[in-house]
Amino acid sequence: MEEEETFFVRRASGLVRELNWYDIIIWVLATPAASGMTYYAVKILGDPSVYGGNLPLAFFIAGLMFLPLVVAFIMIASSFPRTSSLYVVVSRVIHPVIGFLPFWYFIVGGGAAMASGYLLFIGIKAMSGPLVVSGLASGNQLLINIANSLTDPTHQLLIALILVLVIWMINYTGMKVIKWSVRLLTIIPLVITLVALAVTALSGRDAGISRFDAIYGNGTAEAIMNAALNQTVATSLGITPLTPNSMLTGTYNMLLWTIWAWTGMEVVTFVGSEVKNPSRSYMKGYLIGFLGVMILYLLNAFIIPSTFNYDFLASYSYLKSQYGDVLTNIMHGLP
């Protein structure tokens, strides 16, 4: 039997696609939820323009508004299963320059500078919060000292630079190492987050206030709410009291925050060449990942304000951002 004639020197490109549909889910979950859960569900409530709005509803509406983009990402990544597929489709449909400039900025400014540098810088500071609470609850001064050290901008910068170098080293090792790094760095915190949400939900409505008072002193939470919400007390302290908006107005104003909390899902389109069976993987991974982010956001937006009291979180955030000295005095100088 004659040998089959071939038109190419090599039968395969040699490229080993490492990512599966469940890796797409992990990447879709990790990017938006990393900031949207820990930041927007609490700090947002202290914004005078949104106080009184419905937080779960704002996250839900923002998700629905973002869904057409998710569908577009699926179509683009499936049709152009290449690395930097967003660049490929824009450069072909519009113009190469229009494709090059924004995505070069995205990769260098967003991926290298902001995402790796800025978010690590902020993330290190965010770690200080739990350390402070743990130190105060246990009476361990070392934990408080570590937390104070992590809020020092110089220390934050040095640690962030070291972590950026570590991330770049991981990237240079290849997609196989990146794949397992992302899996571990996403799944472990995700499991901890789900456990924390379950424990928080089971602790009961407004239970967070009693926990807060147990650390910062009886009546501290009430004093914070009075300072922010009670017109007589607020005026005596030189504070403009926080007044509620209508539910519709507050929820509408929340959308600026909650829509931003959904951004990040586009990053998965940049690894198209690394995904096995792109059409099926992107369809399944994106849709399941989107649903997962929606569930996480809704659980978080419902459980945290319920357990820690919507008004208390809004009052604390408002004083923290606008009247820090007053808040420090109410909390007896404790961090």
Protein backbone atom coordinates (compact mmCIF):
# COMPACT_ATOMS: atom_id res chain seq x y z
CA MET A 1 0.00 0.00 0.00
CA GLU A 2 1.41 3.35 -1.01
CA GLU A 3 2.33 5.81 1.74
CA GLU A 4 -0.21 8.59 2.14
CA GLU A 5 0.89 11.79 0.46
CA THR A 6 1.19 14.82 2.74
CA PHE A 7 1.33 18.52 1.94
CA PHE A 8 3.11 19.58 5.10
CA VAL A 9 6.52 18.72 6.47
CA ARG A 10 5.08 18.23 9.97
CA ARG A 11 1.76 16.62 10.81
CA ALA A 12 1.31 18.74 13.97
CA SER A 13 2.38 22.15 15.10
CA GLY A 14 3.94 20.86 18.30
CA LEU A 15 1.71 23.13 20.40
CA VAL A 16 0.28 21.34 23.42
CA ARG A 17 -2.98 22.95 24.53
CA GLU A 18 -3.02 22.88 28.32
CA LEU A 19 -6.32 24.53 29.30
CA ASN A 20 -9.68 22.76 29.58
CA TRP A 21 -13.22 24.10 29.96
CA TYR A 22 -12.91 24.00 33.74
CA ASP A 23 -9.80 26.18 33.52
CA ILE A 24 -11.92 28.74 31.69
CA ILE A 25 -14.35 28.61 34.63
CA ILE A 26 -11.51 29.21 37.08
CA TRP A 27 -10.14 32.18 35.12
CA VAL A 28 -13.62 33.67 34.71
CA LEU A 29 -14.28 33.32 38.44
CA ALA A 30 -10.92 34.55 39.66
CA THR A 31 -10.55 37.86 37.87
CA PRO A 32 -13.77 39.74 38.74
CA ALA A 33 -14.55 38.08 42.09
CA ALA A 34 -11.11 38.88 43.49
CA SER A 35 -11.98 42.57 43.70
CA GLY A 36 -15.76 42.69 43.44
CA MET A 37 -16.42 40.64 46.57
CA THR A 38 -13.87 42.07 48.95
CA TYR A 39 -14.23 45.72 48.01
CA TYR A 40 -17.50 46.78 46.46
CA ALA A 41 -19.93 44.95 48.77
CA VAL A 42 -18.88 47.05 51.79
CA LYS A 43 -17.17 50.29 50.78
CA ILE A 44 -19.91 51.13 48.29
CA LEU A 45 -22.50 51.48 51.07
CA GLY A 46 -20.74 54.52 52.52
CA ASP A 47 -21.16 56.54 49.33
CA PRO A 48 -23.91 59.14 50.03
CA SER A 49 -25.25 58.74 46.49
CA VAL A 50 -25.95 55.01 46.91
CA TYR A 51 -27.01 54.69 50.55
CA GLY A 52 -30.49 53.23 50.62
CA GLY A 53 -30.03 51.19 47.43
CA ASN A 54 -30.47 47.43 47.12
CA LEU A 55 -26.99 45.89 46.83
CA PRO A 56 -27.93 42.37 45.60
CA LEU A 57 -30.23 43.90 42.99
CA ALA A 58 -27.44 46.21 41.78
CA PHE A 59 -25.05 43.26 41.33
CA PHE A 60 -27.77 41.27 39.54
CA ILE A 61 -28.64 44.08 37.12
CA ALA A 62 -24.95 44.73 36.43
CA GLY A 63 -24.49 41.05 35.64
CA LEU A 64 -27.37 41.10 33.16
CA MET A 65 -25.87 44.19 31.53
CA PHE A 66 -22.52 42.42 31.24
CA LEU A 67 -24.01 39.19 29.83
CA PRO A 68 -24.05 40.39 26.17
CA LEU A 69 -20.31 41.05 26.47
CA VAL A 70 -19.80 37.53 27.78
CA VAL A 71 -21.66 36.17 24.76
CA ALA A 72 -19.44 38.31 22.53
CA PHE A 73 -16.32 36.96 24.26
CA ILE A 74 -17.53 33.40 23.63
CA MET A 75 -18.14 34.10 19.93
CA ILE A 76 -14.82 35.89 19.45
CA ALA A 77 -12.71 33.31 21.28
CA SER A 78 -14.46 30.45 19.47
CA SER A 79 -14.12 32.07 16.03
CA PHE A 80 -10.55 33.26 16.59
CA PRO A 81 -9.03 30.59 18.87
CA ARG A 82 -5.67 32.32 19.01
CA THR A 83 -3.67 34.11 21.64
CA SER A 84 -4.85 37.73 21.95
CA SER A 85 -8.03 36.92 20.05
CA LEU A 86 -9.63 40.27 20.92
CA TYR A 87 -6.73 41.96 19.16
CA VAL A 88 -7.11 39.64 16.18
CA VAL A 89 -10.80 40.37 15.63
CA VAL A 90 -10.50 44.16 16.14
CA SER A 91 -7.47 44.45 13.87
CA ARG A 92 -9.21 42.49 11.12
CA VAL A 93 -12.65 44.07 11.38
CA ILE A 94 -11.62 47.70 11.95
CA HIS A 95 -7.90 48.40 11.45
CA PRO A 96 -4.58 46.93 12.68
CA VAL A 97 -3.64 50.19 14.41
CA ILE A 98 -6.96 50.34 16.24
CA GLY A 99 -6.41 46.74 17.29
CA PHE A 100 -2.80 47.26 18.34
CA LEU A 101 -2.95 50.43 20.46
CA PRO A 102 -5.67 49.60 23.02
CA PHE A 103 -4.59 46.00 23.48
CA TRP A 104 -0.94 46.89 23.81
CA TYR A 105 -2.00 49.32 26.53
CA PHE A 106 -4.18 46.60 28.07
CA ILE A 107 -1.36 44.06 28.16
CA VAL A 108 1.40 46.41 29.32
CA GLY A 109 -0.59 48.92 31.39
CA GLY A 110 -3.28 46.58 32.66
CA GLY A 111 -1.64 43.19 32.80
CA ALA A 112 1.86 44.18 33.84
CA ALA A 113 1.52 47.47 35.68
CA MET A 114 -1.97 47.76 37.14
CA ALA A 115 -3.15 44.17 37.60
CA SER A 116 0.18 42.77 38.77
CA GLY A 117 1.51 45.83 40.54
CA TYR A 118 -1.36 47.97 41.77
CA LEU A 119 -3.61 45.10 42.81
CA LEU A 120 -0.78 43.41 44.67
CA PHE A 121 -0.01 46.72 46.39
CA ILE A 122 -3.65 47.10 47.47
CA GLY A 123 -4.01 43.40 48.28
CA ILE A 124 -1.16 43.52 50.77
CA LYS A 125 -2.87 46.36 52.59
CA ALA A 126 -6.14 44.41 52.57
CA MET A 127 -4.41 41.59 54.43
CA SER A 128 -3.85 43.92 57.38
CA GLY A 129 -7.56 44.02 58.26
CA PRO A 130 -7.95 40.37 59.31
CA LEU A 131 -4.60 40.51 61.10
CA VAL A 132 -5.74 43.52 63.15
CA VAL A 133 -9.00 41.81 64.11
CA SER A 134 -7.17 38.60 64.99
CA GLY A 135 -4.61 40.50 67.05
CA LEU A 136 -7.24 42.48 68.96
CA ALA A 137 -9.44 39.43 69.54
CA SER A 138 -6.56 37.29 70.79
CA GLY A 139 -4.53 40.01 72.46
CA ASN A 140 -1.55 39.16 70.28
CA GLN A 141 0.47 42.34 69.74
CA LEU A 142 2.68 40.67 67.10
CA LEU A 143 -0.26 40.29 64.72
CA ILE A 144 -1.14 43.96 65.15
CA ASN A 145 2.47 44.98 64.53
CA ILE A 146 2.56 42.90 61.34
CA ALA A 147 -0.70 44.52 60.21
CA ASN A 148 0.69 48.00 60.87
CA SER A 149 3.81 47.09 58.92
CA LEU A 150 1.72 45.96 55.95
CA THR A 151 -0.03 49.35 55.81
CA ASP A 152 3.28 51.17 55.48
CA PRO A 153 3.50 52.28 51.81
CA THR A 154 7.22 51.48 51.58
CA HIS A 155 6.71 47.95 52.85
CA GLN A 156 3.72 47.51 50.55
CA LEU A 157 5.79 48.60 47.56
CA LEU A 158 8.72 46.30 48.35
CA ILE A 159 6.53 43.24 48.91
CA ALA A 160 4.49 44.02 45.79
CA LEU A 161 7.66 44.30 43.68
CA ILE A 162 8.85 40.93 44.96
CA LEU A 163 5.49 39.35 44.16
CA VAL A 164 5.49 40.88 40.67
CA LEU A 165 8.87 39.24 40.03
CA VAL A 166 7.51 35.92 41.30
CA ILE A 167 4.52 36.20 38.96
CA TRP A 168 6.74 36.97 35.99
CA MET A 169 8.96 34.01 36.87
CA ILE A 170 5.88 31.76 36.91
CA ASN A 171 4.84 33.13 33.51
CA TYR A 172 8.23 32.30 32.03
CA THR A 173 7.95 28.65 33.11
CA GLY A 174 5.18 27.91 30.63
CA MET A 175 1.44 27.35 30.52
CA LYS A 176 1.51 24.07 32.43
CA VAL A 177 2.93 25.73 35.54
CA ILE A 178 0.67 28.77 35.06
CA LYS A 179 -2.35 26.47 34.81
CA TRP A 180 -1.67 24.73 38.12
CA SER A 181 -0.68 27.97 39.82
CA VAL A 182 -3.99 29.58 38.84
CA ARG A 183 -5.93 26.49 39.90
CA LEU A 184 -4.40 26.42 43.37
CA LEU A 185 -4.52 30.20 43.86
CA THR A 186 -8.20 30.24 42.91
CA ILE A 187 -9.68 27.02 44.29
CA ILE A 188 -8.18 27.30 47.79
CA PRO A 189 -9.39 30.90 48.42
CA LEU A 190 -12.74 30.03 46.78
CA VAL A 191 -13.33 27.16 49.21
CA ILE A 192 -12.33 29.36 52.16
CA THR A 193 -14.65 32.11 50.90
CA LEU A 194 -17.62 29.74 50.62
CA VAL A 195 -16.96 28.38 54.12
CA ALA A 196 -16.66 31.92 55.50
CA LEU A 197 -19.93 32.94 53.85
CA ALA A 198 -21.68 29.86 55.24
CA VAL A 199 -20.39 30.48 58.78
CA THR A 200 -21.31 34.16 58.52
CA ALA A 201 -24.83 33.36 57.30
CA LEU A 202 -25.37 30.81 60.08
CA SER A 203 -24.27 33.28 62.76
CA GLY A 204 -27.58 35.14 62.40
CA ARG A 205 -28.87 38.55 61.44
CA ASP A 206 -26.92 41.51 62.91
CA ALA A 207 -24.57 39.07 64.68
CA GLY A 208 -21.62 40.97 63.28
CA ILE A 209 -22.40 43.98 65.47
CA SER A 210 -22.02 41.96 68.67
CA ARG A 211 -18.76 40.50 67.35
CA PHE A 212 -17.54 44.01 66.53
CA ASP A 213 -18.46 45.31 69.99
CA ALA A 214 -16.72 42.34 71.60
CA ILE A 215 -13.46 43.60 70.09
CA TYR A 216 -13.89 47.38 70.11
CA GLY A 217 -16.05 47.78 73.21
CA ASN A 218 -19.76 47.62 74.01
CA GLY A 219 -21.78 50.27 72.22
CA THR A 220 -19.07 51.12 69.70
CA ALA A 221 -21.13 49.99 66.71
CA GLU A 222 -24.14 51.98 67.89
CA ALA A 223 -21.96 55.06 68.43
CA ILE A 224 -20.67 54.76 64.86
CA MET A 225 -24.21 54.56 63.49
CA ASN A 226 -25.34 57.50 65.60
CA ALA A 227 -22.41 59.61 64.42
CA ALA A 228 -23.22 58.93 60.78
CA LEU A 229 -27.02 58.72 60.78
CA ASN A 230 -28.40 60.61 63.79
CA GLN A 231 -28.74 64.25 62.76
CA THR A 232 -28.34 65.64 66.28
CA VAL A 233 -25.25 63.58 67.09
CA ALA A 234 -23.72 64.07 63.65
CA THR A 235 -24.18 67.85 63.78
CA SER A 236 -22.56 68.01 67.21
CA LEU A 237 -19.53 66.21 65.78
CA GLY A 238 -19.34 68.43 62.69
CA ILE A 239 -20.57 65.66 60.40
CA THR A 240 -23.02 65.96 57.54
CA PRO A 241 -25.40 63.08 58.34
CA LEU A 242 -25.75 60.24 55.87
CA THR A 243 -29.31 60.30 54.53
CA PRO A 244 -30.92 57.45 52.58
CA ASN A 245 -31.84 57.76 48.93
CA SER A 246 -34.89 56.06 47.50
CA MET A 247 -34.31 52.39 46.73
CA LEU A 248 -34.44 52.99 42.96
CA THR A 249 -32.09 56.00 43.07
CA GLY A 250 -29.60 54.29 45.36
CA THR A 251 -29.61 51.08 43.31
CA TYR A 252 -29.18 53.02 40.06
CA ASN A 253 -26.17 54.88 41.49
CA MET A 254 -24.70 51.58 42.67
CA LEU A 255 -24.44 50.39 39.06
CA LEU A 256 -21.30 52.45 38.45
CA TRP A 257 -19.59 50.31 41.09
CA THR A 258 -21.20 46.96 40.40
CA ILE A 259 -20.71 47.05 36.61
CA TRP A 260 -17.00 47.68 37.21
CA ALA A 261 -16.99 44.70 39.59
CA TRP A 262 -17.88 42.44 36.65
CA THR A 263 -14.93 43.49 34.50
CA GLY A 264 -12.03 41.11 33.98
CA MET A 265 -13.77 38.27 32.17
CA GLU A 266 -12.19 39.38 28.90
CA VAL A 267 -8.74 38.17 30.00
CA VAL A 268 -9.59 34.55 29.16
CA THR A 269 -9.85 35.42 25.46
CA PHE A 270 -6.13 36.17 25.41
CA VAL A 271 -5.13 32.52 25.88
CA GLY A 272 -7.16 31.08 23.01
CA SER A 273 -4.22 29.15 21.58
CA GLU A 274 -3.81 27.32 24.88
CA VAL A 275 -7.40 26.03 25.14
CA LYS A 276 -8.42 22.53 24.10
CA ASN A 277 -11.47 22.48 21.82
CA PRO A 278 -12.06 26.26 22.03
CA SER A 279 -15.66 26.24 20.75
CA ARG A 280 -16.94 23.86 23.42
CA SER A 281 -14.55 24.97 26.17
CA TYR A 282 -15.33 28.68 25.89
CA MET A 283 -19.08 28.11 25.65
CA LYS A 284 -19.24 25.86 28.70
CA GLY A 285 -16.52 27.61 30.71
CA TYR A 286 -17.77 31.17 30.20
CA LEU A 287 -21.42 30.42 30.94
CA ILE A 288 -20.73 28.33 34.05
CA GLY A 289 -18.14 30.86 35.21
CA PHE A 290 -20.56 33.74 34.69
CA LEU A 291 -23.21 31.91 36.71
CA GLY A 292 -20.64 31.20 39.43
CA VAL A 293 -19.66 34.87 39.70
CA MET A 294 -23.33 35.86 39.85
CA ILE A 295 -24.00 33.41 42.69
CA LEU A 296 -20.92 34.57 44.63
CA TYR A 297 -21.82 38.24 44.24
CA LEU A 298 -25.45 37.74 45.24
CA LEU A 299 -24.56 35.61 48.27
CA ASN A 300 -21.93 38.09 49.39
CA ALA A 301 -24.12 41.13 48.78
CA PHE A 302 -26.97 39.57 50.76
CA ILE A 303 -25.12 37.83 53.63
CA ILE A 304 -22.58 40.51 54.63
CA PRO A 305 -25.01 43.48 54.97
CA SER A 306 -27.50 41.20 56.71
CA THR A 307 -25.06 39.79 59.26
CA PHE A 308 -23.14 43.01 59.90
CA ASN A 309 -26.16 45.31 59.45
CA TYR A 310 -26.55 47.44 56.34
CA ASP A 311 -26.68 50.70 58.32
CA PHE A 312 -23.59 49.83 60.35
CA LEU A 313 -21.49 49.02 57.28
CA ALA A 314 -22.68 52.18 55.55
CA SER A 315 -21.93 54.29 58.66
CA TYR A 316 -18.48 52.79 59.15
CA SER A 317 -17.54 53.19 55.48
CA TYR A 318 -18.87 56.76 55.40
CA LEU A 319 -16.92 57.83 58.48
CA LYS A 320 -13.81 55.97 57.34
CA SER A 321 -13.73 57.78 54.02
CA GLN A 322 -14.98 61.23 55.09
CA TYR A 323 -14.37 61.64 58.85
CA GLY A 324 -11.49 59.39 59.80
CA ASP A 325 -10.57 61.30 62.96
CA VAL A 326 -14.10 60.98 64.35
CA LEU A 327 -14.12 57.25 63.67
CA THR A 328 -10.74 56.83 65.39
CA ASN A 329 -12.05 58.60 68.50
CA ILE A 330 -15.19 56.45 68.61
CA MET A 331 -13.06 53.30 68.35
CA HIS A 332 -10.88 54.45 71.26
CA GLY A 333 -7.82 54.80 69.04
CA LEU A 334 -7.74 51.11 68.18
CA PRO A 335 -6.76 50.25 64.57
